[in-house]
Amino acid sequence: MTPHTETEARKRLTTNGSHICLQCNALLFGPDWSEEVNERRIRHVWSCEACGYKFETTVYYPSLE
């Protein structure tokens, strides 16, 4: 059995690694703000306290049809 690295452990704590800074791999606890673009899409804006990097993510929900 091989040990897990710190990065692997962090990715298990998040959804698809999307709560990890893309620049420095610091753990991000929540977006700075979120907005509902439409009934199937939500945009999140993130900023890293460790390095100052800012980025956006978008969540797409499937149609109920």
PDB file of N, CA and C in Angstrom:
ATOM      1  N   MET A   1       0.837  -1.175   0.000  1.00  0.00           N
ATOM      2  CA  MET A   1       0.000   0.000   0.000  1.00  0.00           C
ATOM      3  C   MET A   1       0.884   1.241   0.000  1.00  0.00           C
ATOM      4  N   THR A   2       0.569   2.197  -0.882  1.00  0.00           N
ATOM      5  CA  THR A   2       1.373   3.400  -0.975  1.00  0.00           C
ATOM      6  C   THR A   2       0.694   4.537  -0.216  1.00  0.00           C
ATOM      7  N   PRO A   3       1.460   5.396   0.437  1.00  0.00           N
ATOM      8  CA  PRO A   3       0.863   6.515   1.173  1.00  0.00           C
ATOM      9  C   PRO A   3       0.325   7.580   0.223  1.00  0.00           C
ATOM     10  N   HIS A   4      -0.704   8.271   0.661  1.00  0.00           N
ATOM     11  CA  HIS A   4      -1.273   9.361  -0.120  1.00  0.00           C
ATOM     12  C   HIS A   4      -0.471  10.632   0.120  1.00  0.00           C
ATOM     13  N   THR A   5      -0.302  11.415  -0.917  1.00  0.00           N
ATOM     14  CA  THR A   5       0.380  12.686  -0.753  1.00  0.00           C
ATOM     15  C   THR A   5      -0.607  13.721  -0.223  1.00  0.00           C
ATOM     16  N   GLU A   6      -0.094  14.840   0.235  1.00  0.00           N
ATOM     17  CA  GLU A   6      -0.952  15.895   0.758  1.00  0.00           C
ATOM     18  C   GLU A   6      -1.919  16.394  -0.314  1.00  0.00           C
ATOM     19  N   THR A   7      -1.455  16.515  -1.558  1.00  0.00           N
ATOM     20  CA  THR A   7      -2.311  16.976  -2.645  1.00  0.00           C
ATOM     21  C   THR A   7      -3.441  15.998  -2.900  1.00  0.00           C
ATOM     22  N   GLU A   8      -3.162  14.717  -2.881  1.00  0.00           N
ATOM     23  CA  GLU A   8      -4.206  13.711  -3.071  1.00  0.00           C
ATOM     24  C   GLU A   8      -5.240  13.785  -1.962  1.00  0.00           C
ATOM     25  N   ALA A   9      -4.793  13.996  -0.738  1.00  0.00           N
ATOM     26  CA  ALA A   9      -5.719  14.102   0.390  1.00  0.00           C
ATOM     27  C   ALA A   9      -6.600  15.329   0.245  1.00  0.00           C
ATOM     28  N   ARG A  10      -6.036  16.430  -0.187  1.00  0.00           N
ATOM     29  CA  ARG A  10      -6.818  17.649  -0.385  1.00  0.00           C
ATOM     30  C   ARG A  10      -7.865  17.457  -1.475  1.00  0.00           C
ATOM     31  N   LYS A  11      -7.508  16.787  -2.550  1.00  0.00           N
ATOM     32  CA  LYS A  11      -8.455  16.558  -3.640  1.00  0.00           C
ATOM     33  C   LYS A  11      -9.625  15.702  -3.193  1.00  0.00           C
ATOM     34  N   ARG A  12      -9.400  14.792  -2.263  1.00  0.00           N
ATOM     35  CA  ARG A  12     -10.501  13.971  -1.748  1.00  0.00           C
ATOM     36  C   ARG A  12     -11.475  14.799  -0.934  1.00  0.00           C
ATOM     37  N   LEU A  13     -11.018  15.908  -0.351  1.00  0.00           N
ATOM     38  CA  LEU A  13     -11.869  16.765   0.465  1.00  0.00           C
ATOM     39  C   LEU A  13     -12.722  17.707  -0.367  1.00  0.00           C
ATOM     40  N   THR A  14     -12.446  17.808  -1.645  1.00  0.00           N
ATOM     41  CA  THR A  14     -13.144  18.750  -2.506  1.00  0.00           C
ATOM     42  C   THR A  14     -13.813  18.015  -3.653  1.00  0.00           C
ATOM     43  N   THR A  15     -14.608  18.740  -4.399  1.00  0.00           N
ATOM     44  CA  THR A  15     -15.266  18.169  -5.565  1.00  0.00           C
ATOM     45  C   THR A  15     -14.388  18.381  -6.777  1.00  0.00           C
ATOM     46  N   ASN A  16     -13.834  17.321  -7.300  1.00  0.00           N
ATOM     47  CA  ASN A  16     -12.982  17.371  -8.489  1.00  0.00           C
ATOM     48  C   ASN A  16     -11.815  18.340  -8.350  1.00  0.00           C
ATOM     49  N   GLY A  17     -11.361  18.604  -7.145  1.00  0.00           N
ATOM     50  CA  GLY A  17     -10.234  19.496  -6.938  1.00  0.00           C
ATOM     51  C   GLY A  17     -10.541  20.957  -7.227  1.00  0.00           C
ATOM     52  N   SER A  18     -11.828  21.304  -7.372  1.00  0.00           N
ATOM     53  CA  SER A  18     -12.174  22.668  -7.756  1.00  0.00           C
ATOM     54  C   SER A  18     -12.052  23.667  -6.620  1.00  0.00           C
ATOM     55  N   HIS A  19     -11.805  23.224  -5.417  1.00  0.00           N
ATOM     56  CA  HIS A  19     -11.642  24.130  -4.289  1.00  0.00           C
ATOM     57  C   HIS A  19     -10.184  24.242  -3.886  1.00  0.00           C
ATOM     58  N   ILE A  20      -9.321  24.079  -4.846  1.00  0.00           N
ATOM     59  CA  ILE A  20      -7.883  24.210  -4.627  1.00  0.00           C
ATOM     60  C   ILE A  20      -7.373  25.287  -5.572  1.00  0.00           C
ATOM     61  N   CYS A  21      -6.542  26.183  -5.072  1.00  0.00           N
ATOM     62  CA  CYS A  21      -5.991  27.255  -5.904  1.00  0.00           C
ATOM     63  C   CYS A  21      -5.256  26.651  -7.091  1.00  0.00           C
ATOM     64  N   LEU A  22      -5.555  27.155  -8.262  1.00  0.00           N
ATOM     65  CA  LEU A  22      -4.933  26.646  -9.478  1.00  0.00           C
ATOM     66  C   LEU A  22      -3.481  27.096  -9.618  1.00  0.00           C
ATOM     67  N   GLN A  23      -3.096  28.104  -8.849  1.00  0.00           N
ATOM     68  CA  GLN A  23      -1.746  28.650  -8.933  1.00  0.00           C
ATOM     69  C   GLN A  23      -0.801  27.999  -7.918  1.00  0.00           C
ATOM     70  N   CYS A  24      -1.243  27.896  -6.640  1.00  0.00           N
ATOM     71  CA  CYS A  24      -0.316  27.436  -5.590  1.00  0.00           C
ATOM     72  C   CYS A  24      -0.799  26.191  -4.838  1.00  0.00           C
ATOM     73  N   ASN A  25      -1.963  25.641  -5.188  1.00  0.00           N
ATOM     74  CA  ASN A  25      -2.538  24.443  -4.564  1.00  0.00           C
ATOM     75  C   ASN A  25      -3.006  24.644  -3.132  1.00  0.00           C
ATOM     76  N   ALA A  26      -3.196  25.894  -2.693  1.00  0.00           N
ATOM     77  CA  ALA A  26      -3.729  26.142  -1.347  1.00  0.00           C
ATOM     78  C   ALA A  26      -5.205  25.741  -1.311  1.00  0.00           C
ATOM     79  N   LEU A  27      -5.662  25.272  -0.181  1.00  0.00           N
ATOM     80  CA  LEU A  27      -7.052  24.876  -0.014  1.00  0.00           C
ATOM     81  C   LEU A  27      -7.935  26.110   0.102  1.00  0.00           C
ATOM     82  N   LEU A  28      -9.009  26.184  -0.692  1.00  0.00           N
ATOM     83  CA  LEU A  28      -9.956  27.292  -0.670  1.00  0.00           C
ATOM     84  C   LEU A  28     -11.254  26.795  -0.052  1.00  0.00           C
ATOM     85  N   PHE A  29     -11.789  27.532   0.905  1.00  0.00           N
ATOM     86  CA  PHE A  29     -12.954  27.064   1.651  1.00  0.00           C
ATOM     87  C   PHE A  29     -14.278  27.487   1.052  1.00  0.00           C
ATOM     88  N   GLY A  30     -14.303  28.535   0.280  1.00  0.00           N
ATOM     89  CA  GLY A  30     -15.545  28.982  -0.338  1.00  0.00           C
ATOM     90  C   GLY A  30     -15.287  30.122  -1.296  1.00  0.00           C
ATOM     91  N   PRO A  31     -16.198  30.319  -2.256  1.00  0.00           N
ATOM     92  CA  PRO A  31     -16.015  31.403  -3.218  1.00  0.00           C
ATOM     93  C   PRO A  31     -16.211  32.767  -2.570  1.00  0.00           C
ATOM     94  N   ASP A  32     -15.613  33.798  -3.181  1.00  0.00           N
ATOM     95  CA  ASP A  32     -15.826  35.166  -2.725  1.00  0.00           C
ATOM     96  C   ASP A  32     -17.275  35.583  -2.973  1.00  0.00           C
ATOM     97  N   TRP A  33     -17.804  35.189  -4.107  1.00  0.00           N
ATOM     98  CA  TRP A  33     -19.208  35.426  -4.400  1.00  0.00           C
ATOM     99  C   TRP A  33     -19.670  34.470  -5.482  1.00  0.00           C
ATOM    100  N   SER A  34     -20.977  34.313  -5.580  1.00  0.00           N
ATOM    101  CA  SER A  34     -21.597  33.441  -6.570  1.00  0.00           C
ATOM    102  C   SER A  34     -22.763  34.178  -7.205  1.00  0.00           C
ATOM    103  N   GLU A  35     -23.052  33.841  -8.454  1.00  0.00           N
ATOM    104  CA  GLU A  35     -24.213  34.433  -9.105  1.00  0.00           C
ATOM    105  C   GLU A  35     -24.920  33.380  -9.937  1.00  0.00           C
ATOM    106  N   GLU A  36     -26.231  33.461  -9.937  1.00  0.00           N
ATOM    107  CA  GLU A  36     -27.043  32.574 -10.756  1.00  0.00           C
ATOM    108  C   GLU A  36     -27.134  33.199 -12.144  1.00  0.00           C
ATOM    109  N   VAL A  37     -26.526  32.555 -13.126  1.00  0.00           N
ATOM    110  CA  VAL A  37     -26.534  33.053 -14.496  1.00  0.00           C
ATOM    111  C   VAL A  37     -27.894  32.772 -15.127  1.00  0.00           C
ATOM    112  N   ASN A  38     -28.373  31.560 -14.933  1.00  0.00           N
ATOM    113  CA  ASN A  38     -29.721  31.164 -15.324  1.00  0.00           C
ATOM    114  C   ASN A  38     -30.113  29.968 -14.474  1.00  0.00           C
ATOM    115  N   GLU A  39     -31.239  29.340 -14.753  1.00  0.00           N
ATOM    116  CA  GLU A  39     -31.721  28.249 -13.892  1.00  0.00           C
ATOM    117  C   GLU A  39     -30.850  27.004 -13.937  1.00  0.00           C
ATOM    118  N   ARG A  40     -29.916  26.938 -14.877  1.00  0.00           N
ATOM    119  CA  ARG A  40     -29.058  25.766 -15.001  1.00  0.00           C
ATOM    120  C   ARG A  40     -27.570  26.071 -14.844  1.00  0.00           C
ATOM    121  N   ARG A  41     -27.229  27.313 -14.489  1.00  0.00           N
ATOM    122  CA  ARG A  41     -25.810  27.668 -14.432  1.00  0.00           C
ATOM    123  C   ARG A  41     -25.542  28.654 -13.295  1.00  0.00           C
ATOM    124  N   ILE A  42     -24.508  28.359 -12.492  1.00  0.00           N
ATOM    125  CA  ILE A  42     -24.082  29.231 -11.397  1.00  0.00           C
ATOM    126  C   ILE A  42     -22.585  29.497 -11.551  1.00  0.00           C
ATOM    127  N   ARG A  43     -22.203  30.765 -11.444  1.00  0.00           N
ATOM    128  CA  ARG A  43     -20.802  31.167 -11.561  1.00  0.00           C
ATOM    129  C   ARG A  43     -20.262  31.507 -10.173  1.00  0.00           C
ATOM    130  N   HIS A  44     -19.059  31.012  -9.880  1.00  0.00           N
ATOM    131  CA  HIS A  44     -18.377  31.308  -8.618  1.00  0.00           C
ATOM    132  C   HIS A  44     -17.083  32.059  -8.921  1.00  0.00           C
ATOM    133  N   VAL A  45     -16.779  33.052  -8.102  1.00  0.00           N
ATOM    134  CA  VAL A  45     -15.512  33.782  -8.204  1.00  0.00           C
ATOM    135  C   VAL A  45     -14.698  33.457  -6.955  1.00  0.00           C
ATOM    136  N   TRP A  46     -13.471  33.019  -7.169  1.00  0.00           N
ATOM    137  CA  TRP A  46     -12.579  32.576  -6.094  1.00  0.00           C
ATOM    138  C   TRP A  46     -11.361  33.479  -6.032  1.00  0.00           C
ATOM    139  N   SER A  47     -10.792  33.631  -4.839  1.00  0.00           N
ATOM    140  CA  SER A  47      -9.481  34.268  -4.697  1.00  0.00           C
ATOM    141  C   SER A  47      -8.722  33.541  -3.591  1.00  0.00           C
ATOM    142  N   CYS A  48      -7.435  33.412  -3.818  1.00  0.00           N
ATOM    143  CA  CYS A  48      -6.574  32.677  -2.885  1.00  0.00           C
ATOM    144  C   CYS A  48      -5.924  33.659  -1.921  1.00  0.00           C
ATOM    145  N   GLU A  49      -6.095  33.425  -0.634  1.00  0.00           N
ATOM    146  CA  GLU A  49      -5.452  34.266   0.380  1.00  0.00           C
ATOM    147  C   GLU A  49      -3.949  34.050   0.424  1.00  0.00           C
ATOM    148  N   ALA A  50      -3.498  32.868   0.021  1.00  0.00           N
ATOM    149  CA  ALA A  50      -2.070  32.545   0.094  1.00  0.00           C
ATOM    150  C   ALA A  50      -1.253  33.268  -0.980  1.00  0.00           C
ATOM    151  N   CYS A  51      -1.777  33.316  -2.225  1.00  0.00           N
ATOM    152  CA  CYS A  51      -0.974  33.888  -3.306  1.00  0.00           C
ATOM    153  C   CYS A  51      -1.668  35.023  -4.054  1.00  0.00           C
ATOM    154  N   GLY A  52      -2.962  35.255  -3.784  1.00  0.00           N
ATOM    155  CA  GLY A  52      -3.679  36.350  -4.423  1.00  0.00           C
ATOM    156  C   GLY A  52      -4.279  36.022  -5.777  1.00  0.00           C
ATOM    157  N   TYR A  53      -4.119  34.795  -6.244  1.00  0.00           N
ATOM    158  CA  TYR A  53      -4.657  34.396  -7.552  1.00  0.00           C
ATOM    159  C   TYR A  53      -6.184  34.424  -7.531  1.00  0.00           C
ATOM    160  N   LYS A  54      -6.811  34.904  -8.614  1.00  0.00           N
ATOM    161  CA  LYS A  54      -8.269  34.954  -8.716  1.00  0.00           C
ATOM    162  C   LYS A  54      -8.708  34.202  -9.961  1.00  0.00           C
ATOM    163  N   PHE A  55      -9.836  33.464  -9.837  1.00  0.00           N
ATOM    164  CA  PHE A  55     -10.355  32.730 -10.982  1.00  0.00           C
ATOM    165  C   PHE A  55     -11.845  32.488 -10.806  1.00  0.00           C
ATOM    166  N   GLU A  56     -12.501  32.083 -11.894  1.00  0.00           N
ATOM    167  CA  GLU A  56     -13.929  31.786 -11.890  1.00  0.00           C
ATOM    168  C   GLU A  56     -14.156  30.323 -12.236  1.00  0.00           C
ATOM    169  N   THR A  57     -15.209  29.763 -11.670  1.00  0.00           N
ATOM    170  CA  THR A  57     -15.677  28.442 -12.064  1.00  0.00           C
ATOM    171  C   THR A  57     -17.171  28.552 -12.348  1.00  0.00           C
ATOM    172  N   THR A  58     -17.687  27.644 -13.161  1.00  0.00           N
ATOM    173  CA  THR A  58     -19.106  27.624 -13.472  1.00  0.00           C
ATOM    174  C   THR A  58     -19.627  26.214 -13.253  1.00  0.00           C
ATOM    175  N   VAL A  59     -20.784  26.132 -12.595  1.00  0.00           N
ATOM    176  CA  VAL A  59     -21.455  24.859 -12.353  1.00  0.00           C
ATOM    177  C   VAL A  59     -22.640  24.791 -13.301  1.00  0.00           C
ATOM    178  N   TYR A  60     -22.736  23.698 -14.055  1.00  0.00           N
ATOM    179  CA  TYR A  60     -23.844  23.486 -14.981  1.00  0.00           C
ATOM    180  C   TYR A  60     -24.715  22.350 -14.458  1.00  0.00           C
ATOM    181  N   TYR A  61     -26.005  22.604 -14.348  1.00  0.00           N
ATOM    182  CA  TYR A  61     -26.963  21.575 -13.917  1.00  0.00           C
ATOM    183  C   TYR A  61     -27.688  21.043 -15.143  1.00  0.00           C
ATOM    184  N   PRO A  62     -27.983  19.740 -15.164  1.00  0.00           N
ATOM    185  CA  PRO A  62     -28.677  19.178 -16.332  1.00  0.00           C
ATOM    186  C   PRO A  62     -30.109  19.674 -16.430  1.00  0.00           C
ATOM    187  N   SER A  63     -30.616  19.655 -17.635  1.00  0.00           N
ATOM    188  CA  SER A  63     -32.015  20.023 -17.865  1.00  0.00           C
ATOM    189  C   SER A  63     -32.930  18.975 -17.252  1.00  0.00           C
ATOM    190  N   LEU A  64     -34.077  19.400 -16.744  1.00  0.00           N
ATOM    191  CA  LEU A  64     -35.012  18.459 -16.117  1.00  0.00           C
ATOM    192  C   LEU A  64     -35.911  17.774 -17.133  1.00  0.00           C
ATOM    193  N   GLU A  65     -35.735  18.073 -18.391  1.00  0.00           N
ATOM    194  CA  GLU A  65     -36.566  17.471 -19.439  1.00  0.00           C
ATOM    195  C   GLU A  65     -36.296  16.002 -19.598  1.00  0.00           C
TER     196      GLU A  65
END
